[in-house]
Protein backbone atom coordinates (compact mmCIF):
# COMPACT_ATOMS: atom_id res chain seq x y z
CA MET A 1 0.00 0.00 0.00
CA LYS A 2 1.25 3.47 -0.90
CA VAL A 3 0.64 6.01 1.86
CA LYS A 4 1.34 9.75 1.87
CA LEU A 5 1.38 11.67 5.18
CA ILE A 6 1.20 15.45 4.80
CA LEU A 7 1.74 18.42 7.12
CA PRO A 8 0.25 21.37 5.18
CA ALA A 9 1.78 24.82 5.51
CA LEU A 10 0.36 27.17 8.09
CA THR A 11 -1.03 30.41 6.69
CA GLU A 12 1.80 32.41 8.23
CA ALA A 13 4.33 30.20 6.45
CA LEU A 14 2.91 31.50 3.18
CA SER A 15 2.88 35.15 4.28
CA PRO A 16 5.48 37.98 4.30
CA HIS A 17 5.89 37.29 8.04
CA PHE A 18 7.31 33.82 7.32
CA ARG A 19 10.31 33.04 9.52
CA ALA A 20 12.22 30.23 7.86
CA ILE A 21 14.09 29.26 11.03
CA LYS A 22 10.87 29.02 13.08
CA TYR A 23 9.38 26.51 10.68
CA SER A 24 12.62 24.57 10.29
CA LEU A 25 12.91 23.69 13.96
CA PHE A 26 10.94 20.46 14.37
CA PRO A 27 10.02 17.60 12.03
CA PRO A 28 6.41 16.32 11.97
CA LEU A 29 6.81 13.76 14.73
CA GLY A 30 3.07 13.09 14.83
CA LEU A 31 3.06 11.90 11.23
CA ALA A 32 6.18 9.80 11.83
CA THR A 33 4.31 8.19 14.73
CA LEU A 34 1.34 7.38 12.48
CA ALA A 35 3.81 5.80 10.06
CA GLY A 36 4.96 3.51 12.87
CA TYR A 37 1.58 1.75 12.75
CA LEU A 38 1.93 0.86 9.06
CA ASP A 39 3.35 -2.40 7.73
CA ASP A 40 6.98 -2.86 6.81
CA ASN A 41 6.08 -3.47 3.17
CA ASP A 42 4.00 -0.30 2.85
CA GLU A 43 5.48 2.50 0.75
CA ILE A 44 5.36 5.59 2.99
CA GLU A 45 6.21 9.24 2.33
CA ILE A 46 6.14 12.10 4.84
CA VAL A 47 5.95 15.62 3.42
CA ASP A 48 6.31 18.78 5.53
CA GLU A 49 5.21 21.70 3.37
CA HIS A 50 7.06 24.19 5.57
CA VAL A 51 10.46 22.93 4.45
CA GLU A 52 9.82 21.23 1.11
CA THR A 53 7.61 21.48 -1.96
CA LEU A 54 4.54 19.27 -2.03
CA SER A 55 4.03 17.49 -5.34
CA MET A 56 0.46 16.36 -5.95
CA ASP A 57 0.91 14.61 -9.29
CA ASP A 58 0.85 11.16 -7.68
CA GLU A 59 -2.03 8.83 -6.79
CA PRO A 60 -1.28 7.03 -3.52
CA ASP A 61 -3.74 4.57 -2.03
CA LEU A 62 -4.12 6.64 1.12
CA VAL A 63 -3.44 10.26 2.09
CA ALA A 64 -3.51 11.45 5.73
CA ILE A 65 -3.35 15.17 6.48
CA GLN A 66 -2.76 16.82 9.86
CA ALA A 67 -4.71 20.09 10.17
CA TYR A 68 -4.12 23.01 12.51
CA ILE A 69 -6.48 25.98 12.50
CA THR A 70 -4.35 28.24 10.29
CA SER A 71 -3.48 25.38 7.95
CA ALA A 72 -7.09 24.20 7.62
CA GLY A 73 -7.69 26.00 4.33
CA ARG A 74 -4.56 24.54 2.80
CA ALA A 75 -5.37 21.10 4.25
CA TYR A 76 -8.82 21.18 2.63
CA GLU A 77 -7.31 22.27 -0.68
CA ILE A 78 -4.91 19.32 -0.67
CA ALA A 79 -7.65 16.93 0.46
CA ASP A 80 -10.06 18.05 -2.27
CA HIS A 81 -7.33 17.59 -4.89
CA TYR A 82 -6.59 14.01 -3.90
CA ARG A 83 -10.24 13.05 -3.48
CA ALA A 84 -10.87 14.26 -7.02
CA ARG A 85 -8.21 11.76 -8.09
CA GLY A 86 -10.02 8.94 -6.32
CA VAL A 87 -7.60 8.74 -3.38
CA HIS A 88 -8.97 7.93 0.09
CA VAL A 89 -8.24 11.01 2.23
CA CYS A 90 -8.04 11.19 6.02
CA LEU A 91 -8.04 14.41 8.05
CA GLY A 92 -7.07 14.66 11.71
CA GLY A 93 -5.57 17.05 14.22
CA LEU A 94 -6.60 19.87 16.49
CA HIS A 95 -8.84 21.72 14.04
CA VAL A 96 -10.59 18.59 12.84
CA THR A 97 -11.46 17.69 16.43
CA ALA A 98 -12.79 21.20 17.06
CA MET A 99 -14.71 21.47 13.77
CA PRO A 100 -15.57 17.90 12.67
CA ASP A 101 -18.50 18.82 10.42
CA GLU A 102 -16.41 21.37 8.55
CA ALA A 103 -13.56 18.90 8.06
CA ALA A 104 -15.84 16.01 7.06
CA ALA A 105 -16.89 17.92 3.94
CA HIS A 106 -13.32 17.54 2.64
CA ALA A 107 -12.41 14.00 3.72
CA ASP A 108 -13.46 10.39 3.39
CA THR A 109 -12.47 9.76 7.01
CA ILE A 110 -11.89 12.13 9.92
CA PHE A 111 -10.26 11.52 13.31
CA CYS A 112 -11.26 13.33 16.50
CA GLY A 113 -8.75 13.40 19.34
CA PRO A 114 -5.42 11.57 19.58
CA GLY A 115 -4.98 8.56 17.35
CA GLU A 116 -3.09 5.90 19.31
CA TYR A 117 -6.03 3.51 19.01
CA SER A 118 -8.31 5.09 16.40
CA TRP A 119 -5.62 5.17 13.66
CA PRO A 120 -4.72 1.43 13.85
CA ALA A 121 -8.47 0.63 14.03
CA PHE A 122 -8.98 2.60 10.83
CA LEU A 123 -6.03 0.89 9.11
CA LYS A 124 -7.52 -2.50 9.87
CA ASP A 125 -10.89 -1.42 8.44
CA PHE A 126 -9.26 0.19 5.40
CA ARG A 127 -7.26 -2.90 4.50
CA GLN A 128 -10.48 -4.94 4.75
CA GLY A 129 -12.22 -2.52 2.37
CA ASN A 130 -14.61 -1.09 4.96
CA PRO A 131 -13.23 2.22 6.32
CA GLY A 132 -15.45 4.32 8.54
CA GLU A 133 -16.23 8.01 8.12
CA ILE A 134 -15.32 9.10 11.64
CA TYR A 135 -13.08 7.62 14.34
CA LEU A 136 -13.22 8.86 17.92
CA SER A 137 -10.50 8.57 20.51
CA ASN A 138 -12.03 6.53 23.33
CA ILE A 139 -8.90 4.79 24.68
CA ARG A 140 -5.94 6.80 25.95
CA SER A 141 -2.62 5.02 26.42
CA LEU A 142 0.91 5.27 25.04
CA THR A 143 2.02 1.90 26.36
CA ASP A 144 1.47 0.04 23.09
CA SER A 145 2.46 2.84 20.71
CA PRO A 146 5.23 1.92 18.27
CA PRO A 147 8.29 4.14 17.95
CA PRO A 148 8.08 6.90 15.31
CA ARG A 149 9.50 6.09 11.90
CA ARG A 150 12.45 8.43 12.22
CA ASP A 151 13.99 6.92 9.11
CA LEU A 152 11.28 8.75 7.14
CA ILE A 153 12.18 12.14 8.63
CA LYS A 154 14.43 14.33 6.47
CA ARG A 155 16.72 15.25 9.34
CA HIS A 156 18.92 17.59 7.32
CA LEU A 157 16.02 20.04 6.92
CA TYR A 158 15.66 20.73 10.66
CA LEU A 159 17.69 22.43 13.36
CA THR A 160 16.35 20.15 16.12
CA PRO A 161 15.44 16.81 14.51
CA ASN A 162 15.68 14.93 17.84
CA THR A 163 12.15 15.67 19.07
CA MET A 164 10.46 13.48 21.67
CA VAL A 165 6.98 13.08 23.11
CA VAL A 166 6.67 10.93 26.23
CA SER A 167 3.27 12.18 27.41
CA HIS A 168 0.06 13.47 25.89
CA GLY A 169 -2.13 16.31 27.08
CA CYS A 170 -1.90 18.36 30.25
CA PRO A 171 -3.27 17.98 33.80
CA HIS A 172 -4.42 21.61 33.75
CA HIS A 173 -7.46 23.01 31.93
CA CYS A 174 -6.89 26.63 30.96
CA GLU A 175 -9.81 28.42 29.33
CA PHE A 176 -7.88 29.42 26.21
CA CYS A 177 -5.96 26.18 25.62
CA TYR A 178 -6.51 24.74 22.14
CA LYS A 179 -5.30 21.28 23.11
CA ASP A 180 -7.60 20.96 26.11
CA SER A 181 -10.55 20.27 23.82
CA PHE A 182 -8.44 17.82 21.79
CA TYR A 183 -8.06 15.56 24.84
CA SER A 184 -11.62 15.93 26.15
CA GLY A 185 -13.84 12.86 26.43
CA GLY A 186 -11.24 10.70 28.15
CA LYS A 187 -7.92 10.94 29.93
CA SER A 188 -6.59 14.46 29.50
CA PHE A 189 -3.03 13.53 30.51
CA TYR A 190 -1.16 10.23 30.22
CA THR A 191 2.43 9.06 29.81
CA MET A 192 4.57 6.31 28.39
CA ASN A 193 6.15 3.62 30.50
CA VAL A 194 9.39 5.12 31.86
CA ASP A 195 11.61 2.33 30.52
CA GLN A 196 9.95 2.68 27.12
CA ALA A 197 10.66 6.43 27.10
CA LEU A 198 14.26 6.03 28.28
CA GLY A 199 14.97 3.46 25.61
CA ARG A 200 13.78 5.78 22.86
CA ILE A 201 15.71 8.74 24.23
CA ASP A 202 18.91 6.73 24.53
CA ARG A 203 18.68 5.61 20.89
CA LEU A 204 18.48 9.16 19.55
CA PRO A 205 21.56 10.29 17.63
CA GLU A 206 23.35 13.48 18.73
CA ARG A 207 23.17 15.08 22.17
CA HIS A 208 20.37 17.60 21.78
CA VAL A 209 16.76 16.56 22.46
CA TYR A 210 13.63 18.72 22.36
CA PHE A 211 10.62 17.42 24.32
CA LEU A 212 7.40 18.58 22.65
CA ASP A 213 5.23 17.50 25.61
CA ASP A 214 2.77 20.17 26.73
CA HIS A 215 3.84 19.66 30.36
CA LEU A 216 6.80 17.34 30.80
CA PHE A 217 6.59 17.74 34.59
CA GLY A 218 2.86 17.04 34.72
CA ASP A 219 3.11 13.57 36.30
CA ARG A 220 5.66 14.07 39.06
CA PRO A 221 6.49 10.40 39.80
CA PHE A 222 6.91 9.70 36.08
CA ALA A 223 9.03 12.81 35.52
CA SER A 224 11.20 12.09 38.55
CA GLU A 225 11.96 8.56 37.38
CA LEU A 226 12.51 9.77 33.82
CA PHE A 227 15.03 12.41 34.86
CA GLU A 228 16.88 10.00 37.14
CA GLY A 229 17.11 7.56 34.24
CA MET A 230 18.45 10.24 31.88
CA ARG A 231 21.39 11.07 34.13
CA GLY A 232 24.57 9.87 32.49
CA MET A 233 23.15 9.87 28.94
CA GLY A 234 25.00 13.10 28.17
CA LYS A 235 21.95 14.73 26.61
CA VAL A 236 21.21 18.45 26.66
CA TRP A 237 17.53 19.09 26.28
CA GLN A 238 14.67 21.55 26.24
CA GLY A 239 11.06 21.13 27.32
CA ALA A 240 8.01 22.79 28.84
CA GLY A 241 6.83 23.12 32.43
CA THR A 242 4.96 25.46 34.74
CA VAL A 243 5.88 27.95 37.45
CA GLU A 244 4.41 25.58 40.03
CA SER A 245 6.46 22.63 38.78
CA VAL A 246 9.66 24.67 39.08
CA LEU A 247 9.00 25.68 42.67
CA ARG A 248 7.58 22.45 44.07
CA GLY A 249 10.00 19.88 45.47
CA ASP A 250 13.30 19.00 43.82
CA LEU A 251 12.01 17.92 40.41
CA VAL A 252 13.64 20.78 38.52
CA GLU A 253 16.99 19.98 40.14
CA LYS A 254 16.69 16.40 38.89
CA ALA A 255 15.85 17.73 35.44
CA ALA A 256 18.89 20.02 35.42
CA ARG A 257 21.18 17.15 36.46
CA ALA A 258 19.71 15.14 33.59
CA GLY A 259 20.58 17.83 31.06
CA LEU A 260 17.73 20.37 31.11
CA ARG A 261 19.07 23.63 29.68
CA SER A 262 15.97 25.53 28.55
CA LEU A 263 12.39 25.52 29.83
CA PHE A 264 9.33 26.95 28.12
CA ILE A 265 7.01 28.46 30.75
CA GLY A 266 3.58 29.94 30.21
CA PHE A 267 3.63 32.98 32.50
CA GLU A 268 0.91 34.41 30.21
CA THR A 269 0.09 37.47 32.33
CA LEU A 270 1.23 39.45 35.37
CA ASP A 271 -2.39 40.05 36.39
CA GLY A 272 -3.97 37.76 38.98
CA ALA A 273 -7.52 38.51 37.83
CA ASN A 274 -6.59 37.42 34.31
CA LEU A 275 -5.14 34.18 35.65
CA THR A 276 -8.31 33.51 37.61
CA ASP A 277 -10.53 34.18 34.60
CA ALA A 278 -8.41 31.84 32.46
CA GLY A 279 -8.51 29.04 35.04
CA LYS A 280 -4.72 29.13 35.30
CA HIS A 281 -4.80 28.73 39.06
CA HIS A 282 -1.48 26.90 39.23
CA ASN A 283 0.26 30.16 38.26
CA LEU A 284 -1.41 31.93 41.18
CA ARG A 285 0.20 29.40 43.51
CA GLY A 286 3.74 30.26 42.44
CA ASN A 287 6.01 33.29 42.65
CA TYR A 288 7.21 34.13 39.15
CA SER A 289 10.46 35.77 40.20
CA ALA A 290 11.33 32.94 42.56
CA ALA A 291 10.88 30.42 39.74
CA ILE A 292 13.11 32.47 37.46
CA ARG A 293 15.82 32.71 40.13
CA ARG A 294 15.67 28.99 40.82
CA LEU A 295 16.11 28.12 37.16
CA GLY A 296 18.89 30.68 36.80
CA ASP A 297 20.74 29.19 39.76
CA LEU A 298 20.54 25.80 38.04
CA GLY A 299 21.85 27.18 34.76
CA VAL A 300 18.52 26.71 32.96
CA MET A 301 17.41 29.46 30.64
CA ILE A 302 13.78 30.44 30.09
CA ASN A 303 11.58 30.81 27.05
CA ALA A 304 8.66 32.79 28.48
CA SER A 305 5.19 32.90 26.98
CA PHE A 306 2.91 35.92 27.40
CA VAL A 307 -0.64 36.52 26.20
CA PHE A 308 -2.10 39.98 25.56
CA GLY A 309 -5.74 40.97 25.30
CA MET A 310 -7.22 39.34 28.39
CA ASP A 311 -10.15 41.18 29.92
CA HIS A 312 -8.10 43.02 32.55
CA ASP A 313 -5.42 44.19 30.08
CA GLY A 314 -5.28 47.87 29.22
CA PRO A 315 -2.93 49.71 26.83
CA GLY A 316 -0.15 49.75 29.43
CA VAL A 317 0.17 45.96 29.59
CA PHE A 318 2.64 45.68 26.72
CA GLN A 319 5.46 47.87 28.04
CA ARG A 320 4.88 46.69 31.62
CA THR A 321 5.28 43.06 30.58
CA VAL A 322 8.33 43.68 28.41
CA ASP A 323 10.06 45.73 31.10
CA TRP A 324 9.41 43.04 33.68
CA ALA A 325 10.73 40.27 31.42
CA ILE A 326 13.91 42.24 30.69
CA GLU A 327 14.47 43.04 34.38
CA GLN A 328 14.12 39.34 35.16
CA GLY A 329 16.84 38.48 32.64
CA ILE A 330 14.59 36.20 30.60
CA GLU A 331 16.54 34.96 27.58
CA THR A 332 13.77 34.54 25.01
CA ALA A 333 10.06 35.34 24.98
CA THR A 334 7.10 34.59 22.77
CA PHE A 335 4.17 37.00 22.76
CA HIS A 336 0.65 36.18 21.64
CA ILE A 337 -2.66 37.91 21.13
CA LEU A 338 -5.36 36.04 23.01
CA THR A 339 -7.09 33.82 20.45
CA PRO A 340 -10.45 32.08 21.00
CA TYR A 341 -9.80 28.79 19.26
CA PRO A 342 -12.96 26.83 18.41
CA GLY A 343 -13.65 24.08 20.91
CA THR A 344 -12.26 26.04 23.87
CA ARG A 345 -14.21 27.54 26.74
CA LEU A 346 -12.87 30.93 25.71
CA PHE A 347 -14.45 30.54 22.27
CA SER A 348 -17.80 29.64 23.83
CA ARG A 349 -17.68 32.57 26.27
CA LEU A 350 -16.73 35.22 23.73
CA SER A 351 -19.06 33.84 21.07
CA SER A 352 -22.04 33.83 23.45
CA ARG A 353 -21.38 37.49 24.21
CA GLY A 354 -21.03 38.49 20.55
CA ARG A 355 -17.40 39.50 20.96
CA ILE A 356 -15.88 37.39 18.16
CA THR A 357 -15.47 39.59 15.10
CA THR A 358 -14.34 37.10 12.45
CA TYR A 359 -14.41 33.39 11.78
CA ASN A 360 -11.68 33.54 9.15
CA TRP A 361 -9.44 30.80 10.53
CA ASN A 362 -6.43 32.18 8.65
CA LEU A 363 -6.39 35.07 11.14
CA TYR A 364 -6.36 32.80 14.21
CA ASN A 365 -2.57 32.84 14.40
CA THR A 366 -2.16 34.85 17.66
CA ARG A 367 -1.02 37.88 15.64
CA HIS A 368 -4.51 39.24 14.93
CA ALA A 369 -7.29 40.42 17.21
CA VAL A 370 -10.23 38.24 16.12
CA PHE A 371 -12.43 39.41 18.99
CA ARG A 372 -13.40 42.68 20.64
CA PRO A 373 -11.09 43.36 23.62
CA GLU A 374 -12.57 44.64 26.87
CA ARG A 375 -10.25 47.53 27.74
CA MET A 376 -8.62 48.60 24.48
CA SER A 377 -9.34 48.60 20.78
CA ALA A 378 -8.41 45.75 18.45
CA GLU A 379 -6.01 48.12 16.72
CA GLN A 380 -4.29 48.93 20.03
CA LEU A 381 -4.01 45.23 20.80
CA GLU A 382 -2.36 44.38 17.48
CA SER A 383 -0.04 47.39 17.62
CA GLY A 384 0.94 46.69 21.22
CA TYR A 385 1.67 43.05 20.42
CA SER A 386 4.00 43.98 17.56
CA GLY A 387 5.66 46.62 19.72
CA ALA A 388 6.30 44.12 22.50
CA TYR A 389 8.32 41.90 20.17
CA GLU A 390 10.21 44.87 18.80
CA ASN A 391 11.01 46.27 22.24
CA PHE A 392 11.99 42.97 23.85
CA TYR A 393 14.38 42.01 21.06
CA ARG A 394 16.12 45.37 20.62
CA TRP A 395 19.86 45.05 21.12
CA SER A 396 19.57 47.52 23.99
CA SER A 397 16.97 45.28 25.67
CA ILE A 398 19.02 42.14 25.11
CA LEU A 399 22.04 43.88 26.64
CA ARG A 400 19.96 45.05 29.63
CA ALA A 401 18.72 41.52 30.24
CA ALA A 402 22.21 40.08 29.83
CA ARG A 403 23.54 42.45 32.50
CA THR A 404 21.28 40.75 35.07
CA LYS A 405 23.50 37.67 34.88
CA PRO A 406 26.05 37.44 37.73
CA ASP A 407 29.11 36.65 35.62
CA LEU A 408 30.65 37.39 32.23
CA ALA A 409 30.13 33.86 30.92
CA GLY A 410 26.43 34.05 31.71
CA ARG A 411 26.11 37.40 29.95
CA LEU A 412 27.86 36.12 26.86
CA ARG A 413 25.67 33.02 26.73
CA HIS A 414 22.58 35.22 27.05
CA LEU A 415 23.76 37.40 24.16
CA ALA A 416 24.58 34.36 22.05
CA TYR A 417 21.18 32.74 22.53
CA ALA A 418 18.83 35.73 22.59
CA GLY A 419 20.70 37.61 19.90
CA GLY A 420 21.28 34.53 17.78
CA TRP A 421 17.60 33.64 17.75
CA LYS A 422 16.17 36.95 16.57
CA LYS A 423 18.91 39.31 15.43
CA LEU A 424 20.74 36.89 13.12
CA GLU A 425 17.68 35.95 11.09
CA PRO A 426 19.23 36.84 7.69
CA LEU A 427 22.11 34.49 8.48
CA TRP A 428 19.69 31.70 9.46
CA ASN A 429 17.83 32.18 6.17
CA LEU A 430 21.10 31.89 4.26
CA VAL A 431 22.04 28.70 6.13
CA ILE A 432 18.62 27.18 5.42
CA LYS A 433 18.74 28.04 1.72
CA SER A 434 22.19 26.53 1.44
CA GLY A 435 20.97 23.25 2.95
CA LEU A 436 23.43 23.44 5.85
CA LEU A 437 21.00 23.89 8.75
CA HIS A 438 21.67 20.47 10.24
CA ARG A 439 25.36 21.32 10.54
CA THR A 440 24.57 24.03 13.09
CA THR A 441 23.20 21.54 15.63
CA PRO A 442 26.61 21.13 17.34
CA LEU A 443 26.67 24.91 17.83
CA LEU A 444 23.26 24.76 19.50
CA GLU A 445 24.46 21.94 21.73
CA SER A 446 27.54 23.94 22.69
CA VAL A 447 25.55 27.04 23.64
CA LEU A 448 23.03 25.01 25.64
CA SER A 449 25.79 23.10 27.40
CA GLY A 450 27.18 26.41 28.62
CA PHE A 451 23.94 27.15 30.45
CA GLY A 452 24.44 24.09 32.63
CA ARG A 453 26.94 25.71 34.96
CA THR A 454 25.12 26.23 38.22
CA ARG A 455 25.87 28.99 40.70
CA THR A 456 25.28 29.41 44.39
CA PRO A 457 21.77 30.76 45.00
CA LYS A 458 21.64 34.24 46.51
CA HIS A 459 18.15 33.81 47.89
CA LYS A 460 17.53 31.72 51.00
CA HIS A 461 13.77 31.44 50.75
CA VAL A 462 10.85 31.74 48.36
CA ARG A 463 8.25 34.41 48.94
CA GLU A 464 4.73 33.66 47.81
CA PRO A 465 2.90 36.14 45.57
CA ALA A 466 0.57 38.63 47.14
CA VAL A 467 -2.76 39.21 45.46
CA ALA A 468 -4.09 42.73 45.87
CA GLY A 469 -7.38 43.56 44.20
CA ASN A 470 -7.11 42.68 40.54
CA ARG A 471 -3.32 42.63 40.48
CA LEU A 472 -0.91 39.79 41.09
CA LEU A 473 2.07 41.50 42.71
CA ILE A 474 5.20 39.73 41.57
CA SER A 475 8.45 40.86 43.16
CA ASN A 476 11.37 41.13 40.79
CA ALA A 477 15.00 40.39 41.56
CA SER A 478 15.70 43.93 42.78
CA GLY A 479 12.81 43.85 45.24
CA ALA A 480 10.59 46.17 43.21
CA VAL A 481 7.05 45.19 42.34
CA ALA A 482 5.61 44.63 38.86
CA ASP A 483 1.87 44.94 38.39
């Protein structure tokens, strides 16, 4: 059987805002995992439209397309093309789960939710000549999942080809989270067997590993055993966690000893009322500055996520957030405009109040205001968002943040990472066009390894945040207060 697995390009990848390095970071591990369920004698091709040209002159027996909200239009275009050629087309992914009726108009079969059990069930039906029209995820387990077909991944096209997923979902249920609806109707968070995960990590080539898990620290016993098992592997790795997971117990210390060098954290907002509205109560239970200091003392850098446009945000939120992030010495930050993805509680709330202004999915990329903000105009929200990126990544801002590091080596590493990510974009584009991106992985490993040098903590205790009115008062390293 000839099978083609396709990751269609996101709208932004086809726009003037396209950042080649951003879309050359990770291979489509989800599609490689689907390929692991196919037979050895099947002819399988994985195509990632972000890094290669998709040819549609062929006629495979089966096409499976993974759709995200801003790639839905492109996914439907590809699906319609292959269906017109008589090919059986499957659609799955976050957007398909959120909008099944919309997706079903463009596919022979759709999948709602994760596919560890629904995909192999479909394959059995398809080979017997009786495929269904819709498959629901009603069993949640990674224990029996085969390893991804990494031999089908074009490693040379990616900066970080060693991606891993050892858990699915998240134990938290934030109002705006797109993936929360994807894992509804069953277990919302589940992991692999630890030995299974360790075996796959150990077999990865090269030192650098990027965990794509939504919350790698979400199951504390699992994470603790995983990190203990990774000690001695010599890996340097990046992943995602929460403020609470950094401050609670010694789990982050175990992670650092196992090679953690960069952690993505969803701070989202400095406003306690916003956190309450979003259901992000675990952030209220942790002191932001204390978490940053703890990671810094362990030599772990931070990629901070912030969301603008929540109901308690006014026009001053942009500069206040950027100034705070710089004062904290945060290495890299991603900013987003609050986006009510279909299927989320946020979408239901804003829709019921008539505040959603467009249902053009191409604009749901966290760069556009697709709803009416409460305390500013949509134009102010979009302008403030763009300004936050510009202000945070100015050389003067990068230098200010670097000066918060206690030693020269730390400052230089900060400059290398923060500056290298944003300010050297023309050079990254040149490297990508020349086909040499994979040769820069040792440089990434070297920079990340430098972050692993721990220092003696200056702070003897952790102060809890104080909530005053609608503001979450978060003390910064100098003792001042950011609101």
